[in-house]
């Protein structure tokens, strides 16, 4: 029995060491993700940030000067010292929030036959807003990350306090059945809480990833209208290029002569899952039915989507904070009591 307890004690120790190694490795991975080795050395020398909006604006300027698309991207990356080839620039971490929107602009440009410069110019401001929104999200998430680190450190703090107060932890764990049980239960709760928190954070990051920024989709829709496309055709182009298939349904309803009640019924059915289709459809419904200018209300749609996006970020941050209370109360705090309080209480009881 003593050998089994010793093995279990060793396993618990390896679990604690593994957690520390994971945090260290995660920190290194985070640095490597946001700043590769080559880019890191260049950034240390030049101390220049990579700003996607600047790069896209430079591409637009070079396209206006008569360069081809590959030449414009290559020249923009070279002049702004991006540090990677034009073919890889959209795969860089700084472009993570806007790469899909830039690709969507290219698809829309190819589909409607207008220059890529016009499509990119229409979304430059939206790219800057998307980047600011991502940074605001990271700032709001920083407090949550600090809470996660504090929660994960609680059991270790308990072990340290027990050791400082004179508790003979090896003797307590290997010398009694209850000590062995406390060690296994505390270590298991610690690992379970750590895995639980990781999954919550990963789910949060997955939810905040978007295919194409809704504001960019509306801007590209406006570009299609300015290029001379009819409303139904513009909706089809945005549906295919930006990944909003419900817009194609609205286009078919318009072409089939559906009345306003049928269109609004469909928009109501997708309101909970597709805010772009809902607001864009409502904004252009009157224009399509009465023949007025659909561009007049698109800016209202943009402002509405911005507010809803900001509100959605705040709601998700608050939800994450509430969900993190569960691993705190069910895993980390019990692990702290088992690993830090119980050994000290056992020491005082024996004395």
Protein backbone atom coordinates (compact mmCIF):
# COMPACT_ATOMS: atom_id res chain seq x y z
CA UNK A 1 0.00 0.00 0.00
CA UNK A 2 2.90 2.31 0.78
CA UNK A 3 4.30 1.85 -2.74
CA UNK A 4 0.96 2.71 -4.29
CA UNK A 5 0.73 5.86 -2.19
CA UNK A 6 4.24 6.85 -3.19
CA UNK A 7 3.40 6.40 -6.87
CA UNK A 8 0.23 8.46 -6.47
CA UNK A 9 2.20 11.17 -4.69
CA UNK A 10 4.68 11.24 -7.55
CA UNK A 11 1.84 11.48 -10.07
CA UNK A 12 0.27 14.39 -8.21
CA UNK A 13 3.66 16.10 -8.14
CA UNK A 14 4.06 15.61 -11.87
CA UNK A 15 0.58 17.09 -12.38
CA UNK A 16 1.60 20.24 -10.52
CA UNK A 17 4.89 20.45 -12.40
CA UNK A 18 3.06 19.86 -15.67
CA UNK A 19 0.75 22.76 -15.00
CA UNK A 20 3.69 25.06 -14.40
CA UNK A 21 5.33 23.85 -17.59
CA UNK A 22 2.09 24.41 -19.49
CA UNK A 23 1.86 28.02 -18.34
CA UNK A 24 5.47 28.60 -19.34
CA UNK A 25 4.95 26.94 -22.71
CA UNK A 26 1.73 28.89 -23.24
CA UNK A 27 3.56 32.13 -22.65
CA UNK A 28 6.21 31.17 -25.20
CA UNK A 29 3.52 30.08 -27.69
CA UNK A 30 1.71 33.36 -27.20
CA UNK A 31 4.86 35.29 -27.98
CA UNK A 32 5.61 33.11 -30.96
CA UNK A 33 2.06 33.51 -32.25
CA UNK A 34 2.01 37.26 -32.08
CA UNK A 35 5.65 37.85 -32.94
CA UNK A 36 7.54 35.23 -34.93
CA UNK A 37 11.29 34.85 -34.63
CA UNK A 38 12.10 36.70 -37.86
CA UNK A 39 9.45 39.35 -37.31
CA UNK A 40 10.59 39.70 -33.69
CA UNK A 41 14.16 40.53 -34.63
CA UNK A 42 13.00 43.03 -37.24
CA UNK A 43 10.52 44.65 -34.86
CA UNK A 44 13.22 45.02 -32.22
CA UNK A 45 15.41 46.77 -34.77
CA UNK A 46 12.74 49.01 -36.31
CA UNK A 47 10.08 49.10 -33.57
CA UNK A 48 7.38 49.49 -36.23
CA UNK A 49 3.90 47.99 -35.73
CA UNK A 50 2.07 46.17 -38.50
CA UNK A 51 -1.18 48.03 -39.06
CA UNK A 52 -3.51 46.26 -41.52
CA UNK A 53 -5.37 49.45 -42.44
CA UNK A 54 -2.08 51.12 -43.44
CA UNK A 55 -1.09 48.16 -45.57
CA UNK A 56 -4.44 48.05 -47.35
CA UNK A 57 -4.40 51.83 -47.88
CA UNK A 58 -0.94 51.52 -49.44
CA UNK A 59 -2.19 48.73 -51.70
CA UNK A 60 -5.05 50.96 -52.83
CA UNK A 61 -2.62 53.79 -53.60
CA UNK A 62 -0.34 51.53 -55.65
CA UNK A 63 -3.30 50.08 -57.54
CA UNK A 64 -4.36 53.62 -58.39
CA UNK A 65 -0.86 54.19 -59.77
CA UNK A 66 -1.30 51.36 -62.25
CA UNK A 67 0.42 48.47 -60.48
CA UNK A 68 -0.96 44.96 -60.72
CA UNK A 69 -2.48 43.38 -57.63
CA UNK A 70 0.58 41.20 -56.76
CA UNK A 71 2.94 44.13 -57.34
CA UNK A 72 0.83 46.44 -55.17
CA UNK A 73 0.81 43.97 -52.26
CA UNK A 74 4.52 43.28 -52.62
CA UNK A 75 5.41 46.97 -52.73
CA UNK A 76 3.17 47.79 -49.75
CA UNK A 77 4.75 45.02 -47.66
CA UNK A 78 8.23 46.19 -48.63
CA UNK A 79 7.63 49.90 -47.97
CA UNK A 80 5.91 49.31 -44.61
CA UNK A 81 8.51 46.74 -43.52
CA UNK A 82 5.94 44.05 -42.85
CA UNK A 83 8.67 41.42 -42.85
CA UNK A 84 6.86 38.72 -44.86
CA UNK A 85 6.02 38.08 -48.48
CA UNK A 86 2.81 39.43 -49.93
CA UNK A 87 1.45 35.90 -50.24
CA UNK A 88 1.77 35.37 -46.48
CA UNK A 89 0.79 38.78 -45.18
CA UNK A 90 -2.87 37.92 -44.64
CA UNK A 91 -1.84 34.92 -42.54
CA UNK A 92 -0.04 37.10 -40.01
CA UNK A 93 -1.56 37.43 -36.51
CA UNK A 94 -2.08 41.17 -36.97
CA UNK A 95 -4.44 40.40 -39.87
CA UNK A 96 -6.39 37.72 -38.00
CA UNK A 97 -9.47 39.92 -37.50
CA UNK A 98 -9.51 41.46 -40.99
CA UNK A 99 -8.06 38.87 -43.39
CA UNK A 100 -11.46 37.39 -44.23
CA UNK A 101 -12.85 40.87 -44.93
CA UNK A 102 -9.96 41.67 -47.27
CA UNK A 103 -10.43 38.40 -49.13
CA UNK A 104 -14.16 39.12 -49.38
CA UNK A 105 -13.38 42.47 -51.00
CA UNK A 106 -11.28 40.64 -53.59
CA UNK A 107 -14.10 38.19 -54.33
CA UNK A 108 -16.66 40.96 -54.67
CA UNK A 109 -14.34 42.95 -56.92
CA UNK A 110 -13.81 39.96 -59.21
CA UNK A 111 -17.54 39.20 -59.26
CA UNK A 112 -18.85 42.66 -60.16
CA UNK A 113 -15.97 43.62 -62.42
CA UNK A 114 -14.83 46.77 -60.61
CA UNK A 115 -11.28 47.49 -59.63
CA UNK A 116 -9.92 45.99 -56.43
CA UNK A 117 -8.82 49.48 -55.39
CA UNK A 118 -12.46 50.62 -55.22
CA UNK A 119 -13.50 47.59 -53.15
CA UNK A 120 -10.58 47.91 -50.74
CA UNK A 121 -11.00 51.64 -50.43
CA UNK A 122 -14.61 51.10 -49.39
CA UNK A 123 -13.57 48.96 -46.41
CA UNK A 124 -10.35 50.61 -45.17
CA UNK A 125 -12.19 52.50 -42.44
CA UNK A 126 -14.05 49.35 -41.44
CA UNK A 127 -10.77 47.46 -41.14
CA UNK A 128 -9.50 50.04 -38.68
CA UNK A 129 -12.73 49.75 -36.68
CA UNK A 130 -12.46 45.95 -36.62
CA UNK A 131 -8.88 46.18 -35.36
CA UNK A 132 -9.89 48.66 -32.65
CA UNK A 133 -12.75 46.39 -31.66
CA UNK A 134 -10.37 43.43 -31.36
CA UNK A 135 -7.99 45.46 -29.20
CA UNK A 136 -10.86 46.61 -26.98
CA UNK A 137 -11.87 43.00 -26.60
CA UNK A 138 -8.35 42.01 -25.58
CA UNK A 139 -8.24 44.83 -23.03
CA UNK A 140 -11.56 43.74 -21.56
CA UNK A 141 -10.39 40.14 -21.56
CA UNK A 142 -7.13 40.99 -19.74
CA UNK A 143 -8.90 41.17 -16.36
CA UNK A 144 -10.48 37.79 -17.01
CA UNK A 145 -7.10 36.31 -17.86
CA UNK A 146 -5.68 37.68 -14.60
CA UNK A 147 -8.58 36.06 -12.73
CA UNK A 148 -7.86 32.73 -14.41
CA UNK A 149 -4.19 32.85 -13.40
CA UNK A 150 -5.14 33.72 -9.82
CA UNK A 151 -7.62 30.85 -9.65
CA UNK A 152 -5.09 28.37 -11.00
CA UNK A 153 -2.51 29.54 -8.44
CA UNK A 154 -4.77 29.14 -5.41
CA UNK A 155 -4.02 25.43 -4.76
CA UNK A 156 -0.30 26.05 -5.15
CA UNK A 157 -0.54 28.93 -2.68
CA UNK A 158 -2.32 26.60 -0.27
CA UNK A 159 0.46 24.04 -0.56
CA UNK A 160 3.06 26.72 0.08
CA UNK A 161 1.24 28.04 3.13
CA UNK A 162 0.85 24.55 4.54
CA UNK A 163 4.56 23.92 4.07
CA UNK A 164 5.51 27.24 5.72
CA UNK A 165 3.28 26.47 8.69
CA UNK A 166 5.21 23.29 9.26
CA UNK A 167 2.88 20.68 7.81
CA UNK A 168 4.80 17.56 6.79
CA UNK A 169 3.04 17.07 3.49
CA UNK A 170 4.89 13.90 2.34
CA UNK A 171 4.23 12.25 5.68
CA UNK A 172 0.62 13.35 5.67
CA UNK A 173 0.01 12.04 2.14
CA UNK A 174 1.94 8.77 2.34
CA UNK A 175 1.39 8.02 6.01
CA UNK A 176 -2.41 8.00 6.18
CA UNK A 177 -5.21 6.86 3.96
CA UNK A 178 -6.99 10.18 4.45
CA UNK A 179 -3.88 12.08 3.41
CA UNK A 180 -3.62 10.03 0.24
CA UNK A 181 -7.31 10.64 -0.46
CA UNK A 182 -6.96 14.38 0.16
CA UNK A 183 -3.97 14.61 -2.19
CA UNK A 184 -5.70 12.74 -5.00
CA UNK A 185 -8.95 14.68 -4.58
CA UNK A 186 -7.18 18.06 -4.36
CA UNK A 187 -4.93 17.36 -7.33
CA UNK A 188 -7.85 16.04 -9.37
CA UNK A 189 -9.97 19.10 -8.62
CA UNK A 190 -7.05 21.35 -9.51
CA UNK A 191 -6.54 19.70 -12.90
CA UNK A 192 -10.30 19.56 -13.55
CA UNK A 193 -10.67 23.27 -12.82
CA UNK A 194 -7.73 24.11 -15.02
CA UNK A 195 -9.15 22.13 -17.97
CA UNK A 196 -12.61 23.62 -17.37
CA UNK A 197 -11.27 27.17 -17.48
CA UNK A 198 -9.27 26.47 -20.62
CA UNK A 199 -12.37 25.21 -22.39
CA UNK A 200 -14.40 28.23 -21.34
CA UNK A 201 -11.73 30.60 -22.63
CA UNK A 202 -11.32 28.65 -25.89
CA UNK A 203 -15.08 28.73 -26.45
CA UNK A 204 -15.09 32.47 -25.83
CA UNK A 205 -12.36 33.03 -28.45
CA UNK A 206 -14.22 30.87 -30.97
CA UNK A 207 -17.39 32.92 -30.51
CA UNK A 208 -15.65 36.23 -31.15
CA UNK A 209 -14.16 35.09 -34.45
CA UNK A 210 -16.12 36.30 -37.46
CA UNK A 211 -15.88 35.26 -41.09
CA UNK A 212 -16.46 38.73 -42.49
CA UNK A 213 -17.11 41.85 -40.46
CA UNK A 214 -20.82 42.78 -40.83
CA UNK A 215 -19.88 46.42 -41.37
CA UNK A 216 -17.57 45.38 -44.21
CA UNK A 217 -20.40 43.40 -45.80
CA UNK A 218 -22.63 46.48 -45.77
CA UNK A 219 -19.84 48.66 -47.19
CA UNK A 220 -19.27 46.18 -50.02
CA UNK A 221 -23.00 46.08 -50.69
CA UNK A 222 -22.93 49.86 -51.08
CA UNK A 223 -19.95 49.52 -53.44
CA UNK A 224 -21.95 47.11 -55.56
CA UNK A 225 -24.82 49.61 -55.79
CA UNK A 226 -22.44 52.43 -56.69
CA UNK A 227 -20.95 50.20 -59.42
CA UNK A 228 -24.41 50.02 -61.01
CA UNK A 229 -25.64 46.61 -59.88
CA UNK A 230 -29.31 46.16 -59.05
CA UNK A 231 -30.32 45.46 -55.47
CA UNK A 232 -31.04 41.72 -55.98
CA UNK A 233 -27.77 41.13 -57.80
CA UNK A 234 -25.84 43.07 -55.15
CA UNK A 235 -27.40 40.90 -52.45
CA UNK A 236 -26.35 37.75 -54.30
CA UNK A 237 -22.77 38.99 -54.66
CA UNK A 238 -22.48 39.82 -50.96
CA UNK A 239 -24.11 36.52 -49.99
CA UNK A 240 -21.50 34.58 -51.97
CA UNK A 241 -18.48 36.77 -51.25
CA UNK A 242 -19.05 37.49 -47.56
CA UNK A 243 -20.65 34.27 -46.40
CA UNK A 244 -24.19 35.49 -45.61
CA UNK A 245 -26.41 33.04 -47.55
CA UNK A 246 -29.65 34.48 -46.19
CA UNK A 247 -29.05 37.58 -48.31
CA UNK A 248 -29.45 35.40 -51.39
CA UNK A 249 -32.89 34.35 -50.10
CA UNK A 250 -33.88 38.00 -49.74
CA UNK A 251 -32.67 38.58 -53.31
CA UNK A 252 -34.86 35.75 -54.60
CA UNK A 253 -37.85 37.11 -52.69
CA UNK A 254 -37.35 40.48 -54.36
CA UNK A 255 -37.03 38.93 -57.81
CA UNK A 256 -40.13 36.77 -57.31
CA UNK A 257 -42.20 39.81 -56.43
CA UNK A 258 -42.82 38.95 -52.79
CA UNK A 259 -44.70 41.60 -50.86
CA UNK A 260 -43.34 43.34 -47.78
CA UNK A 261 -45.12 40.99 -45.36
CA UNK A 262 -43.41 37.92 -46.86
CA UNK A 263 -40.01 39.58 -46.75
CA UNK A 264 -40.41 40.75 -43.16
CA UNK A 265 -41.61 37.28 -42.16
CA UNK A 266 -38.40 35.77 -43.47
CA UNK A 267 -36.30 38.47 -41.82
CA UNK A 268 -38.02 37.76 -38.51
CA UNK A 269 -37.17 34.06 -38.83
CA UNK A 270 -33.43 34.77 -39.16
CA UNK A 271 -33.26 37.77 -36.79
CA UNK A 272 -31.71 35.77 -33.95
CA UNK A 273 -28.90 34.26 -36.04
CA UNK A 274 -28.15 36.74 -38.83
CA UNK A 275 -28.15 40.42 -37.86
CA UNK A 276 -26.65 41.47 -41.20
CA UNK A 277 -29.52 40.03 -43.24
CA UNK A 278 -32.09 41.37 -40.78
CA UNK A 279 -30.90 44.98 -40.70
CA UNK A 280 -29.81 45.17 -44.33
CA UNK A 281 -33.08 43.63 -45.50
CA UNK A 282 -35.18 46.04 -43.43
CA UNK A 283 -33.10 49.01 -44.62
CA UNK A 284 -33.51 48.30 -48.34
CA UNK A 285 -37.05 46.88 -48.24
CA UNK A 286 -38.75 50.24 -48.58
CA UNK A 287 -36.28 51.38 -51.23
CA UNK A 288 -36.94 48.25 -53.30
CA UNK A 289 -40.72 48.41 -52.91
CA UNK A 290 -41.01 52.16 -53.61
CA UNK A 291 -38.06 52.72 -55.94
CA UNK A 292 -36.17 55.12 -53.68
CA UNK A 293 -32.41 55.34 -53.23
CA UNK A 294 -31.22 52.35 -51.14
CA UNK A 295 -27.91 54.03 -50.30
CA UNK A 296 -29.63 56.58 -48.07
CA UNK A 297 -30.26 54.15 -45.20
CA UNK A 298 -27.08 52.07 -45.38
CA UNK A 299 -25.17 54.37 -43.04
CA UNK A 300 -27.87 53.78 -40.43
CA UNK A 301 -27.30 50.05 -40.84
CA UNK A 302 -23.57 50.53 -40.31
CA UNK A 303 -24.10 52.50 -37.10
CA UNK A 304 -26.59 49.93 -35.83
CA UNK A 305 -24.22 47.03 -36.50
CA UNK A 306 -21.40 48.83 -34.73
CA UNK A 307 -23.49 49.31 -31.60
CA UNK A 308 -24.73 45.72 -31.62
CA UNK A 309 -21.19 44.43 -32.10
CA UNK A 310 -19.93 46.42 -29.14
CA UNK A 311 -22.87 45.32 -27.01
CA UNK A 312 -22.30 41.71 -28.01
CA UNK A 313 -18.66 41.89 -26.90
CA UNK A 314 -19.66 43.32 -23.52
CA UNK A 315 -22.30 40.64 -23.03
CA UNK A 316 -19.84 37.84 -23.85
CA UNK A 317 -17.26 39.23 -21.43
CA UNK A 318 -19.86 39.34 -18.65
CA UNK A 319 -21.04 35.81 -19.47
CA UNK A 320 -17.48 34.55 -19.30
CA UNK A 321 -17.00 36.17 -15.89
CA UNK A 322 -20.13 34.45 -14.59
CA UNK A 323 -19.13 31.05 -16.00
CA UNK A 324 -15.68 31.34 -14.45
CA UNK A 325 -17.33 31.43 -11.02
CA UNK A 326 -18.25 27.76 -11.46
CA UNK A 327 -14.71 26.32 -11.63
CA UNK A 328 -13.76 28.71 -8.83
CA UNK A 329 -16.45 27.43 -6.47
CA UNK A 330 -16.49 23.79 -7.53
CA UNK A 331 -12.82 23.08 -8.27
CA UNK A 332 -10.19 25.64 -7.27
CA UNK A 333 -11.52 26.61 -3.85
CA UNK A 334 -12.10 22.98 -2.77
CA UNK A 335 -8.61 22.13 -4.06
CA UNK A 336 -7.21 25.02 -2.03
CA UNK A 337 -8.95 23.74 1.10
CA UNK A 338 -7.84 20.15 0.55
CA UNK A 339 -4.22 20.93 -0.29
CA UNK A 340 -3.65 23.94 1.95
CA UNK A 341 -6.06 23.90 4.87
CA UNK A 342 -6.53 20.21 5.59
CA UNK A 343 -2.78 19.41 6.05
CA UNK A 344 -2.43 22.34 8.48
CA UNK A 345 -5.54 21.25 10.38
CA UNK A 346 -4.12 17.70 10.53
CA UNK A 347 -0.82 19.09 11.90
CA UNK A 348 -2.60 21.13 14.57
CA UNK A 349 -4.80 18.18 15.52
CA UNK A 350 -1.79 15.93 16.06
CA UNK A 351 0.00 18.56 18.06
